[in-house]
Amino acid sequence: MKKTGSAITSLNFWTKHEVKLGEFIFLLAVAAWGLTYVFTKDALAVIGPFAYNTLRMGLGVITLVVLSGAAWRKLSRAYIVPSVVSGLLLFAAYGTQTYGQQFTSASKAGFLAGTYVIYVPIFSALLLRRMPGLFAGGGVIFAFAGLTMLSLEPGSLSLAAGDAWLAASGVAWALYFVAMAYYSPRVNIMLYSILHIFLAGVLNGLCWLWLEPLTVPWQSPVLWVALLSTGVLVIGLGTSITTWVTRLISPTRVVLIGASEPVFAALGGWWIGEAITIRIVTGGLLIVMGMLLAELGPVLRQTLRRRRWQRYPA
């Protein structure tokens, strides 16, 4: 009886705090994405972007298959459209971002890929008819300002060779987040993740066969570190976490938490000896302010309304 009561208590706690716990878990996933940015940068020095994406997505799919258990019994034709749409968008997002990273600086790459912060509320309003609230919109502005402060190189706004690809990845990532927000409540999370990541991996593989050498430097420890960290932790676990979280919170909130990725990337750079400048600190604070504004703003507004109603009841 004690075990049953304890299980019920744990279930009730999870149900009550599911959204907050989901946001915290997603923040941990975003931290992993930021910290592995250094690994990806090193890996692209020894392997092509499409080969790299193919291999890490393959590891991600294997990870999800292992975790899926009996979820395959729920497979049906209802997964075709969600998986195709999301797979195409994920391929476009990873493909354009990784390809563009070869030709431009890391700071510009972070800024241009991070422009999805701006696009998600717009696409959510146009496609899902989910108008972002005032506080969420303000949070997006702060987060975008922080991304700019963190990633834009001083004195240079010109587009380098890979900048257009990275700007396109911002649009693709925004559409991908919106698609997940639309489809994930309608399907099984694990199956949906496996199928659309698999399709994205196949499409990257076709580009690998067509555009890049087929040789893989398996002996490179840099490559293995990058593949295991981004394939298993980021794409495997991270994508399933993102898919699950989009069922709990709005696309705008997902983006605001995701906007903290450059902060963790900066911490990873500091760990390997890069300097943490005033611009990095300021940008990080702006992102945190944006997250707090979106998170605490509605709560503050409800509190003020409640106090006003108590003071001046109808």
C-alpha atoms as a PDB file:
ATOM      1  CA  MET A   1       0.000   0.000   0.000  1.00  0.00           C
ATOM      2  CA  LYS A   2       2.865   2.391   0.799  1.00  0.00           C
ATOM      3  CA  LYS A   3       4.382   1.790  -2.637  1.00  0.00           C
ATOM      4  CA  THR A   4       1.024   2.395  -4.307  1.00  0.00           C
ATOM      5  CA  GLY A   5       0.521   5.626  -2.354  1.00  0.00           C
ATOM      6  CA  SER A   6       4.028   6.773  -3.224  1.00  0.00           C
ATOM      7  CA  ALA A   7       3.446   6.051  -6.905  1.00  0.00           C
ATOM      8  CA  ILE A   8       0.162   7.974  -6.861  1.00  0.00           C
ATOM      9  CA  THR A   9       1.854  10.909  -5.122  1.00  0.00           C
ATOM     10  CA  SER A  10       4.634  10.952  -7.728  1.00  0.00           C
ATOM     11  CA  LEU A  11       2.069  10.781 -10.534  1.00  0.00           C
ATOM     12  CA  ASN A  12       0.077  13.648  -9.042  1.00  0.00           C
ATOM     13  CA  PHE A  13       3.230  15.742  -8.643  1.00  0.00           C
ATOM     14  CA  TRP A  14       4.194  15.097 -12.278  1.00  0.00           C
ATOM     15  CA  THR A  15       0.700  15.907 -13.539  1.00  0.00           C
ATOM     16  CA  LYS A  16       0.579  19.128 -11.524  1.00  0.00           C
ATOM     17  CA  HIS A  17       4.015  20.341 -12.595  1.00  0.00           C
ATOM     18  CA  GLU A  18       4.244  18.714 -16.037  1.00  0.00           C
ATOM     19  CA  VAL A  19       4.643  21.963 -17.962  1.00  0.00           C
ATOM     20  CA  LYS A  20       7.348  23.374 -15.656  1.00  0.00           C
ATOM     21  CA  LEU A  21       9.241  20.077 -15.585  1.00  0.00           C
ATOM     22  CA  GLY A  22       8.957  19.846 -19.355  1.00  0.00           C
ATOM     23  CA  GLU A  23      10.424  23.315 -19.762  1.00  0.00           C
ATOM     24  CA  PHE A  24      13.294  22.459 -17.398  1.00  0.00           C
ATOM     25  CA  ILE A  25      14.082  19.209 -19.247  1.00  0.00           C
ATOM     26  CA  PHE A  26      13.975  21.081 -22.543  1.00  0.00           C
ATOM     27  CA  LEU A  27      16.390  23.665 -21.124  1.00  0.00           C
ATOM     28  CA  LEU A  28      18.814  20.830 -20.308  1.00  0.00           C
ATOM     29  CA  ALA A  29      18.495  19.579 -23.886  1.00  0.00           C
ATOM     30  CA  VAL A  30      19.183  23.074 -25.223  1.00  0.00           C
ATOM     31  CA  ALA A  31      22.263  23.254 -23.000  1.00  0.00           C
ATOM     32  CA  ALA A  32      23.517  20.042 -24.616  1.00  0.00           C
ATOM     33  CA  TRP A  33      22.959  21.519 -28.086  1.00  0.00           C
ATOM     34  CA  GLY A  34      24.982  24.592 -27.181  1.00  0.00           C
ATOM     35  CA  LEU A  35      27.818  22.695 -25.528  1.00  0.00           C
ATOM     36  CA  THR A  36      28.177  20.314 -28.492  1.00  0.00           C
ATOM     37  CA  TYR A  37      28.563  23.192 -30.939  1.00  0.00           C
ATOM     38  CA  VAL A  38      32.325  22.996 -30.470  1.00  0.00           C
ATOM     39  CA  PHE A  39      32.271  19.280 -31.323  1.00  0.00           C
ATOM     40  CA  THR A  40      30.405  19.883 -34.563  1.00  0.00           C
ATOM     41  CA  LYS A  41      32.763  22.652 -35.559  1.00  0.00           C
ATOM     42  CA  ASP A  42      35.738  20.314 -35.092  1.00  0.00           C
ATOM     43  CA  ALA A  43      34.014  17.441 -36.918  1.00  0.00           C
ATOM     44  CA  LEU A  44      33.370  19.529 -40.033  1.00  0.00           C
ATOM     45  CA  ALA A  45      37.126  19.870 -40.401  1.00  0.00           C
ATOM     46  CA  VAL A  46      37.419  16.133 -41.136  1.00  0.00           C
ATOM     47  CA  ILE A  47      34.086  15.215 -42.790  1.00  0.00           C
ATOM     48  CA  GLY A  48      31.523  16.781 -45.101  1.00  0.00           C
ATOM     49  CA  PRO A  49      28.294  18.263 -43.685  1.00  0.00           C
ATOM     50  CA  PHE A  50      25.895  15.828 -45.352  1.00  0.00           C
ATOM     51  CA  ALA A  51      27.969  12.791 -44.392  1.00  0.00           C
ATOM     52  CA  TYR A  52      28.093  14.101 -40.849  1.00  0.00           C
ATOM     53  CA  ASN A  53      24.346  14.702 -40.738  1.00  0.00           C
ATOM     54  CA  THR A  54      23.636  11.250 -42.179  1.00  0.00           C
ATOM     55  CA  LEU A  55      25.754   9.474 -39.571  1.00  0.00           C
ATOM     56  CA  ARG A  56      24.501  11.414 -36.574  1.00  0.00           C
ATOM     57  CA  MET A  57      20.878  11.084 -37.637  1.00  0.00           C
ATOM     58  CA  GLY A  58      21.411   7.346 -38.042  1.00  0.00           C
ATOM     59  CA  LEU A  59      22.676   7.158 -34.462  1.00  0.00           C
ATOM     60  CA  GLY A  60      19.737   9.260 -33.346  1.00  0.00           C
ATOM     61  CA  VAL A  61      17.250   6.902 -35.002  1.00  0.00           C
ATOM     62  CA  ILE A  62      18.917   3.838 -33.445  1.00  0.00           C
ATOM     63  CA  THR A  63      18.721   5.509 -30.032  1.00  0.00           C
ATOM     64  CA  LEU A  64      15.029   6.228 -30.455  1.00  0.00           C
ATOM     65  CA  VAL A  65      14.262   2.715 -31.734  1.00  0.00           C
ATOM     66  CA  VAL A  66      15.864   1.260 -28.614  1.00  0.00           C
ATOM     67  CA  LEU A  67      13.775   3.572 -26.422  1.00  0.00           C
ATOM     68  CA  SER A  68      10.518   3.124 -28.331  1.00  0.00           C
ATOM     69  CA  GLY A  69       9.661  -0.348 -27.007  1.00  0.00           C
ATOM     70  CA  ALA A  70       6.256  -1.506 -28.240  1.00  0.00           C
ATOM     71  CA  ALA A  71       5.361   1.834 -29.792  1.00  0.00           C
ATOM     72  CA  TRP A  72       5.635   0.294 -33.281  1.00  0.00           C
ATOM     73  CA  ARG A  73       2.280  -1.415 -32.722  1.00  0.00           C
ATOM     74  CA  LYS A  74       0.638   1.997 -33.118  1.00  0.00           C
ATOM     75  CA  LEU A  75       2.131   2.583 -36.573  1.00  0.00           C
ATOM     76  CA  SER A  76      -0.473   3.529 -39.171  1.00  0.00           C
ATOM     77  CA  ARG A  77      -0.970   5.607 -42.286  1.00  0.00           C
ATOM     78  CA  ALA A  78      -1.775   8.559 -40.035  1.00  0.00           C
ATOM     79  CA  TYR A  79       1.987   9.059 -39.640  1.00  0.00           C
ATOM     80  CA  ILE A  80       2.710   9.549 -43.344  1.00  0.00           C
ATOM     81  CA  VAL A  81       1.940  13.251 -43.693  1.00  0.00           C
ATOM     82  CA  PRO A  82       3.367  14.380 -40.301  1.00  0.00           C
ATOM     83  CA  SER A  83       6.577  12.391 -40.870  1.00  0.00           C
ATOM     84  CA  VAL A  84       7.075  13.579 -44.452  1.00  0.00           C
ATOM     85  CA  VAL A  85       6.426  17.239 -43.654  1.00  0.00           C
ATOM     86  CA  SER A  86       8.566  17.256 -40.499  1.00  0.00           C
ATOM     87  CA  GLY A  87      11.299  15.146 -42.104  1.00  0.00           C
ATOM     88  CA  LEU A  88      11.612  17.516 -45.045  1.00  0.00           C
ATOM     89  CA  LEU A  89      11.795  20.513 -42.717  1.00  0.00           C
ATOM     90  CA  LEU A  90      14.356  18.842 -40.446  1.00  0.00           C
ATOM     91  CA  PHE A  91      16.473  17.952 -43.487  1.00  0.00           C
ATOM     92  CA  ALA A  92      16.279  21.537 -44.715  1.00  0.00           C
ATOM     93  CA  ALA A  93      17.134  22.942 -41.280  1.00  0.00           C
ATOM     94  CA  TYR A  94      20.120  20.698 -40.538  1.00  0.00           C
ATOM     95  CA  GLY A  95      21.299  20.622 -44.149  1.00  0.00           C
ATOM     96  CA  THR A  96      21.394  24.379 -44.720  1.00  0.00           C
ATOM     97  CA  GLN A  97      22.815  25.113 -41.272  1.00  0.00           C
ATOM     98  CA  THR A  98      25.620  22.539 -41.383  1.00  0.00           C
ATOM     99  CA  TYR A  99      26.478  23.307 -45.003  1.00  0.00           C
ATOM    100  CA  GLY A 100      26.631  27.033 -44.320  1.00  0.00           C
ATOM    101  CA  GLN A 101      28.831  26.618 -41.250  1.00  0.00           C
ATOM    102  CA  GLN A 102      31.713  25.633 -43.530  1.00  0.00           C
ATOM    103  CA  PHE A 103      31.923  29.061 -45.121  1.00  0.00           C
ATOM    104  CA  THR A 104      31.255  31.624 -42.406  1.00  0.00           C
ATOM    105  CA  SER A 105      32.369  32.492 -38.891  1.00  0.00           C
ATOM    106  CA  ALA A 106      30.888  30.873 -35.815  1.00  0.00           C
ATOM    107  CA  SER A 107      29.431  34.166 -34.535  1.00  0.00           C
ATOM    108  CA  LYS A 108      27.587  34.888 -37.781  1.00  0.00           C
ATOM    109  CA  ALA A 109      26.422  31.279 -37.940  1.00  0.00           C
ATOM    110  CA  GLY A 110      24.877  31.548 -34.495  1.00  0.00           C
ATOM    111  CA  PHE A 111      23.130  34.795 -35.316  1.00  0.00           C
ATOM    112  CA  LEU A 112      21.742  33.764 -38.704  1.00  0.00           C
ATOM    113  CA  ALA A 113      20.550  30.321 -37.616  1.00  0.00           C
ATOM    114  CA  GLY A 114      19.085  31.951 -34.508  1.00  0.00           C
ATOM    115  CA  THR A 115      16.777  34.134 -36.578  1.00  0.00           C
ATOM    116  CA  TYR A 116      14.149  31.412 -36.155  1.00  0.00           C
ATOM    117  CA  VAL A 117      13.341  33.258 -32.911  1.00  0.00           C
ATOM    118  CA  ILE A 118      11.719  35.940 -35.044  1.00  0.00           C
ATOM    119  CA  TYR A 119      10.000  33.634 -37.528  1.00  0.00           C
ATOM    120  CA  VAL A 120       8.233  31.204 -35.169  1.00  0.00           C
ATOM    121  CA  PRO A 121       5.658  33.663 -33.744  1.00  0.00           C
ATOM    122  CA  ILE A 122       4.969  34.891 -37.279  1.00  0.00           C
ATOM    123  CA  PHE A 123       4.477  31.392 -38.711  1.00  0.00           C
ATOM    124  CA  SER A 124       2.458  30.344 -35.646  1.00  0.00           C
ATOM    125  CA  ALA A 125       0.107  33.260 -36.233  1.00  0.00           C
ATOM    126  CA  LEU A 126      -0.166  32.593 -39.971  1.00  0.00           C
ATOM    127  CA  LEU A 127      -0.368  28.790 -39.977  1.00  0.00           C
ATOM    128  CA  LEU A 128      -1.711  27.784 -36.555  1.00  0.00           C
ATOM    129  CA  ARG A 129      -3.690  30.942 -35.768  1.00  0.00           C
ATOM    130  CA  ARG A 130      -1.884  31.192 -32.415  1.00  0.00           C
ATOM    131  CA  MET A 131      -1.275  34.861 -31.806  1.00  0.00           C
ATOM    132  CA  PRO A 132       1.642  35.352 -29.395  1.00  0.00           C
ATOM    133  CA  GLY A 133       0.793  37.243 -26.224  1.00  0.00           C
ATOM    134  CA  LEU A 134       2.213  40.639 -25.383  1.00  0.00           C
ATOM    135  CA  PHE A 135       4.733  39.277 -22.874  1.00  0.00           C
ATOM    136  CA  ALA A 136       5.812  36.470 -25.203  1.00  0.00           C
ATOM    137  CA  GLY A 137       6.308  38.994 -28.008  1.00  0.00           C
ATOM    138  CA  GLY A 138       8.392  41.173 -25.707  1.00  0.00           C
ATOM    139  CA  GLY A 139      10.402  38.138 -24.679  1.00  0.00           C
ATOM    140  CA  VAL A 140      11.132  37.361 -28.332  1.00  0.00           C
ATOM    141  CA  ILE A 141      12.444  40.908 -28.823  1.00  0.00           C
ATOM    142  CA  PHE A 142      14.767  40.600 -25.826  1.00  0.00           C
ATOM    143  CA  ALA A 143      15.926  37.145 -26.938  1.00  0.00           C
ATOM    144  CA  PHE A 144      16.620  38.338 -30.469  1.00  0.00           C
ATOM    145  CA  ALA A 145      18.573  41.309 -29.116  1.00  0.00           C
ATOM    146  CA  GLY A 146      20.589  38.907 -26.979  1.00  0.00           C
ATOM    147  CA  LEU A 147      21.286  36.624 -29.925  1.00  0.00           C
ATOM    148  CA  THR A 148      22.452  39.636 -31.906  1.00  0.00           C
ATOM    149  CA  MET A 149      24.722  40.785 -29.087  1.00  0.00           C
ATOM    150  CA  LEU A 150      26.187  37.298 -28.686  1.00  0.00           C
ATOM    151  CA  SER A 151      26.705  36.358 -32.297  1.00  0.00           C
ATOM    152  CA  LEU A 152      26.984  39.363 -34.606  1.00  0.00           C
ATOM    153  CA  GLU A 153      30.558  40.357 -35.334  1.00  0.00           C
ATOM    154  CA  PRO A 154      31.327  44.013 -34.505  1.00  0.00           C
ATOM    155  CA  GLY A 155      31.677  46.252 -37.547  1.00  0.00           C
ATOM    156  CA  SER A 156      30.512  43.657 -40.063  1.00  0.00           C
ATOM    157  CA  LEU A 157      27.001  43.062 -41.378  1.00  0.00           C
ATOM    158  CA  SER A 158      27.893  41.798 -44.856  1.00  0.00           C
ATOM    159  CA  LEU A 159      26.810  38.373 -46.035  1.00  0.00           C
ATOM    160  CA  ALA A 160      29.667  35.906 -46.479  1.00  0.00           C
ATOM    161  CA  ALA A 161      29.497  32.853 -48.746  1.00  0.00           C
ATOM    162  CA  GLY A 162      27.610  30.670 -46.276  1.00  0.00           C
ATOM    163  CA  ASP A 163      25.426  33.330 -44.679  1.00  0.00           C
ATOM    164  CA  ALA A 164      22.519  32.881 -47.072  1.00  0.00           C
ATOM    165  CA  TRP A 165      22.401  29.151 -46.250  1.00  0.00           C
ATOM    166  CA  LEU A 166      22.359  29.899 -42.531  1.00  0.00           C
ATOM    167  CA  ALA A 167      19.644  32.519 -42.953  1.00  0.00           C
ATOM    168  CA  ALA A 168      17.596  29.893 -44.795  1.00  0.00           C
ATOM    169  CA  SER A 169      18.148  27.469 -41.914  1.00  0.00           C
ATOM    170  CA  GLY A 170      16.523  29.987 -39.569  1.00  0.00           C
ATOM    171  CA  VAL A 171      13.350  29.866 -41.668  1.00  0.00           C
ATOM    172  CA  ALA A 172      13.494  26.056 -41.850  1.00  0.00           C
ATOM    173  CA  TRP A 173      13.951  25.668 -38.074  1.00  0.00           C
ATOM    174  CA  ALA A 174      11.001  27.969 -37.423  1.00  0.00           C
ATOM    175  CA  LEU A 175       8.740  25.984 -39.764  1.00  0.00           C
ATOM    176  CA  TYR A 176       9.979  22.739 -38.161  1.00  0.00           C
ATOM    177  CA  PHE A 177       9.019  23.930 -34.663  1.00  0.00           C
ATOM    178  CA  VAL A 178       5.602  25.038 -35.889  1.00  0.00           C
ATOM    179  CA  ALA A 179       5.044  21.703 -37.663  1.00  0.00           C
ATOM    180  CA  MET A 180       5.898  19.786 -34.482  1.00  0.00           C
ATOM    181  CA  ALA A 181       3.519  21.942 -32.489  1.00  0.00           C
ATOM    182  CA  TYR A 182       0.769  21.055 -34.957  1.00  0.00           C
ATOM    183  CA  TYR A 183       1.435  17.331 -35.465  1.00  0.00           C
ATOM    184  CA  SER A 184       2.828  16.077 -32.127  1.00  0.00           C
ATOM    185  CA  PRO A 185      -0.518  16.121 -30.238  1.00  0.00           C
ATOM    186  CA  ARG A 186      -2.007  13.898 -32.956  1.00  0.00           C
ATOM    187  CA  VAL A 187       0.544  11.049 -33.011  1.00  0.00           C
ATOM    188  CA  ASN A 188       2.781   8.918 -30.806  1.00  0.00           C
ATOM    189  CA  ILE A 189       5.869  10.965 -29.933  1.00  0.00           C
ATOM    190  CA  MET A 190       8.468   8.218 -30.321  1.00  0.00           C
ATOM    191  CA  LEU A 191       7.164   6.910 -33.652  1.00  0.00           C
ATOM    192  CA  TYR A 192       6.820  10.417 -35.007  1.00  0.00           C
ATOM    193  CA  SER A 193      10.402  11.257 -33.994  1.00  0.00           C
ATOM    194  CA  ILE A 194      11.853   8.048 -35.450  1.00  0.00           C
ATOM    195  CA  LEU A 195      10.070   8.356 -38.783  1.00  0.00           C
ATOM    196  CA  HIS A 196      10.789  11.995 -39.523  1.00  0.00           C
ATOM    197  CA  ILE A 197      14.424  11.850 -38.367  1.00  0.00           C
ATOM    198  CA  PHE A 198      14.917   8.720 -40.488  1.00  0.00           C
ATOM    199  CA  LEU A 199      13.563  10.536 -43.548  1.00  0.00           C
ATOM    200  CA  ALA A 200      15.823  13.528 -42.880  1.00  0.00           C
ATOM    201  CA  GLY A 201      18.790  11.163 -42.567  1.00  0.00           C
ATOM    202  CA  VAL A 202      17.968   9.451 -45.868  1.00  0.00           C
ATOM    203  CA  LEU A 203      17.747  12.802 -47.644  1.00  0.00           C
ATOM    204  CA  ASN A 204      21.088  13.872 -46.166  1.00  0.00           C
ATOM    205  CA  GLY A 205      22.498  10.515 -47.276  1.00  0.00           C
ATOM    206  CA  LEU A 206      21.403  11.135 -50.866  1.00  0.00           C
ATOM    207  CA  CYS A 207      23.168  14.505 -50.793  1.00  0.00           C
ATOM    208  CA  TRP A 208      26.237  12.776 -49.343  1.00  0.00           C
ATOM    209  CA  LEU A 209      26.301  10.263 -52.203  1.00  0.00           C
ATOM    210  CA  TRP A 210      25.859  13.013 -54.766  1.00  0.00           C
ATOM    211  CA  LEU A 211      28.028  15.829 -53.420  1.00  0.00           C
ATOM    212  CA  GLU A 212      30.722  14.456 -51.097  1.00  0.00           C
ATOM    213  CA  PRO A 213      33.403  11.759 -50.926  1.00  0.00           C
ATOM    214  CA  LEU A 214      32.167   8.454 -49.541  1.00  0.00           C
ATOM    215  CA  THR A 215      35.206   7.956 -47.306  1.00  0.00           C
ATOM    216  CA  VAL A 216      34.740   8.423 -43.566  1.00  0.00           C
ATOM    217  CA  PRO A 217      37.670   9.077 -41.174  1.00  0.00           C
ATOM    218  CA  TRP A 218      36.553   6.464 -38.639  1.00  0.00           C
ATOM    219  CA  GLN A 219      39.892   6.712 -36.851  1.00  0.00           C
ATOM    220  CA  SER A 220      39.270  10.353 -35.917  1.00  0.00           C
ATOM    221  CA  PRO A 221      38.409  10.779 -32.206  1.00  0.00           C
ATOM    222  CA  VAL A 222      37.020  14.246 -33.005  1.00  0.00           C
ATOM    223  CA  LEU A 223      34.436  12.682 -35.305  1.00  0.00           C
ATOM    224  CA  TRP A 224      33.407  10.027 -32.784  1.00  0.00           C
ATOM    225  CA  VAL A 225      32.963  12.561 -29.996  1.00  0.00           C
ATOM    226  CA  ALA A 226      30.821  14.725 -32.256  1.00  0.00           C
ATOM    227  CA  LEU A 227      28.735  11.812 -33.570  1.00  0.00           C
ATOM    228  CA  LEU A 228      28.022  10.328 -30.154  1.00  0.00           C
ATOM    229  CA  SER A 229      27.214  13.648 -28.512  1.00  0.00           C
ATOM    230  CA  THR A 230      25.081  15.082 -31.304  1.00  0.00           C
ATOM    231  CA  GLY A 231      23.663  11.797 -32.604  1.00  0.00           C
ATOM    232  CA  VAL A 232      22.713  10.060 -29.367  1.00  0.00           C
ATOM    233  CA  LEU A 233      22.222  12.962 -26.949  1.00  0.00           C
ATOM    234  CA  VAL A 234      21.053  15.789 -29.199  1.00  0.00           C
ATOM    235  CA  ILE A 235      19.205  14.192 -32.127  1.00  0.00           C
ATOM    236  CA  GLY A 236      18.161  10.956 -30.408  1.00  0.00           C
ATOM    237  CA  LEU A 237      17.104  12.169 -26.985  1.00  0.00           C
ATOM    238  CA  GLY A 238      16.930  15.887 -27.769  1.00  0.00           C
ATOM    239  CA  THR A 239      14.516  15.616 -30.697  1.00  0.00           C
ATOM    240  CA  SER A 240      12.148  13.361 -28.786  1.00  0.00           C
ATOM    241  CA  ILE A 241      12.265  15.795 -25.852  1.00  0.00           C
ATOM    242  CA  THR A 242      11.515  18.703 -28.191  1.00  0.00           C
ATOM    243  CA  THR A 243       8.621  16.803 -29.774  1.00  0.00           C
ATOM    244  CA  TRP A 244       7.203  16.019 -26.334  1.00  0.00           C
ATOM    245  CA  VAL A 245       7.660  19.571 -25.038  1.00  0.00           C
ATOM    246  CA  THR A 246       5.837  21.095 -28.013  1.00  0.00           C
ATOM    247  CA  ARG A 247       2.743  19.244 -26.813  1.00  0.00           C
ATOM    248  CA  LEU A 248       2.904  21.075 -23.483  1.00  0.00           C
ATOM    249  CA  ILE A 249       3.933  24.642 -24.272  1.00  0.00           C
ATOM    250  CA  SER A 250       3.443  27.112 -27.103  1.00  0.00           C
ATOM    251  CA  PRO A 251       5.892  27.373 -30.037  1.00  0.00           C
ATOM    252  CA  THR A 252       6.886  30.863 -28.855  1.00  0.00           C
ATOM    253  CA  ARG A 253       7.854  29.535 -25.412  1.00  0.00           C
ATOM    254  CA  VAL A 254       9.817  26.689 -27.030  1.00  0.00           C
ATOM    255  CA  VAL A 255      11.742  29.237 -29.078  1.00  0.00           C
ATOM    256  CA  LEU A 256      12.488  31.450 -26.077  1.00  0.00           C
ATOM    257  CA  ILE A 257      14.039  28.537 -24.206  1.00  0.00           C
ATOM    258  CA  GLY A 258      15.877  27.467 -27.345  1.00  0.00           C
ATOM    259  CA  ALA A 259      17.262  30.994 -27.655  1.00  0.00           C
ATOM    260  CA  SER A 260      19.499  30.273 -24.646  1.00  0.00           C
ATOM    261  CA  GLU A 261      21.556  27.872 -26.787  1.00  0.00           C
ATOM    262  CA  PRO A 262      24.254  30.492 -27.599  1.00  0.00           C
ATOM    263  CA  VAL A 263      24.772  31.055 -23.862  1.00  0.00           C
ATOM    264  CA  PHE A 264      25.727  27.414 -23.408  1.00  0.00           C
ATOM    265  CA  ALA A 265      27.775  27.522 -26.602  1.00  0.00           C
ATOM    266  CA  ALA A 266      29.681  30.454 -25.081  1.00  0.00           C
ATOM    267  CA  LEU A 267      30.255  28.417 -21.918  1.00  0.00           C
ATOM    268  CA  GLY A 268      31.604  25.583 -24.057  1.00  0.00           C
ATOM    269  CA  GLY A 269      33.933  28.022 -25.788  1.00  0.00           C
ATOM    270  CA  TRP A 270      35.082  29.359 -22.419  1.00  0.00           C
ATOM    271  CA  TRP A 271      35.803  25.797 -21.280  1.00  0.00           C
ATOM    272  CA  ILE A 272      38.226  25.299 -24.172  1.00  0.00           C
ATOM    273  CA  GLY A 273      39.896  28.666 -23.608  1.00  0.00           C
ATOM    274  CA  GLU A 274      37.829  31.234 -25.514  1.00  0.00           C
ATOM    275  CA  ALA A 275      37.402  34.625 -23.848  1.00  0.00           C
ATOM    276  CA  ILE A 276      34.033  35.605 -22.337  1.00  0.00           C
ATOM    277  CA  THR A 277      33.588  39.261 -23.288  1.00  0.00           C
ATOM    278  CA  ILE A 278      31.208  41.984 -22.123  1.00  0.00           C
ATOM    279  CA  ARG A 279      29.142  41.410 -25.284  1.00  0.00           C
ATOM    280  CA  ILE A 280      28.673  37.734 -24.423  1.00  0.00           C
ATOM    281  CA  VAL A 281      27.624  38.520 -20.857  1.00  0.00           C
ATOM    282  CA  THR A 282      25.234  41.259 -22.013  1.00  0.00           C
ATOM    283  CA  GLY A 283      23.721  39.041 -24.697  1.00  0.00           C
ATOM    284  CA  GLY A 284      23.219  36.220 -22.232  1.00  0.00           C
ATOM    285  CA  LEU A 285      21.465  38.537 -19.786  1.00  0.00           C
ATOM    286  CA  LEU A 286      19.140  39.791 -22.524  1.00  0.00           C
ATOM    287  CA  ILE A 287      18.167  36.213 -23.389  1.00  0.00           C
ATOM    288  CA  VAL A 288      17.476  35.391 -19.742  1.00  0.00           C
ATOM    289  CA  MET A 289      15.390  38.579 -19.466  1.00  0.00           C
ATOM    290  CA  GLY A 290      13.371  37.481 -22.488  1.00  0.00           C
ATOM    291  CA  MET A 291      12.719  34.065 -20.986  1.00  0.00           C
ATOM    292  CA  LEU A 292      11.709  35.576 -17.641  1.00  0.00           C
ATOM    293  CA  LEU A 293       9.431  38.113 -19.318  1.00  0.00           C
ATOM    294  CA  ALA A 294       7.568  35.390 -21.214  1.00  0.00           C
ATOM    295  CA  GLU A 295       7.453  33.109 -18.176  1.00  0.00           C
ATOM    296  CA  LEU A 296       6.634  35.531 -15.373  1.00  0.00           C
ATOM    297  CA  GLY A 297       4.783  38.213 -17.305  1.00  0.00           C
ATOM    298  CA  PRO A 298       1.428  36.366 -17.558  1.00  0.00           C
ATOM    299  CA  VAL A 299       1.692  35.337 -13.895  1.00  0.00           C
ATOM    300  CA  LEU A 300       2.336  38.944 -12.863  1.00  0.00           C
ATOM    301  CA  ARG A 301      -0.597  40.159 -14.954  1.00  0.00           C
ATOM    302  CA  GLN A 302      -2.948  37.590 -13.393  1.00  0.00           C
ATOM    303  CA  THR A 303      -1.745  38.554  -9.915  1.00  0.00           C
ATOM    304  CA  LEU A 304      -2.375  42.254 -10.568  1.00  0.00           C
ATOM    305  CA  ARG A 305      -5.827  41.508 -11.976  1.00  0.00           C
ATOM    306  CA  ARG A 306      -6.685  39.359  -8.945  1.00  0.00           C
ATOM    307  CA  ARG A 307      -5.600  42.079  -6.531  1.00  0.00           C
ATOM    308  CA  ARG A 308      -7.524  44.709  -8.491  1.00  0.00           C
ATOM    309  CA  TRP A 309     -10.647  42.531  -8.439  1.00  0.00           C
ATOM    310  CA  GLN A 310     -10.274  41.975  -4.693  1.00  0.00           C
ATOM    311  CA  ARG A 311      -9.875  45.708  -4.132  1.00  0.00           C
ATOM    312  CA  TYR A 312     -12.663  46.751  -6.505  1.00  0.00           C
ATOM    313  CA  PRO A 313     -15.115  43.833  -6.738  1.00  0.00           C
ATOM    314  CA  ALA A 314     -17.905  44.100  -9.278  1.00  0.00           C
END
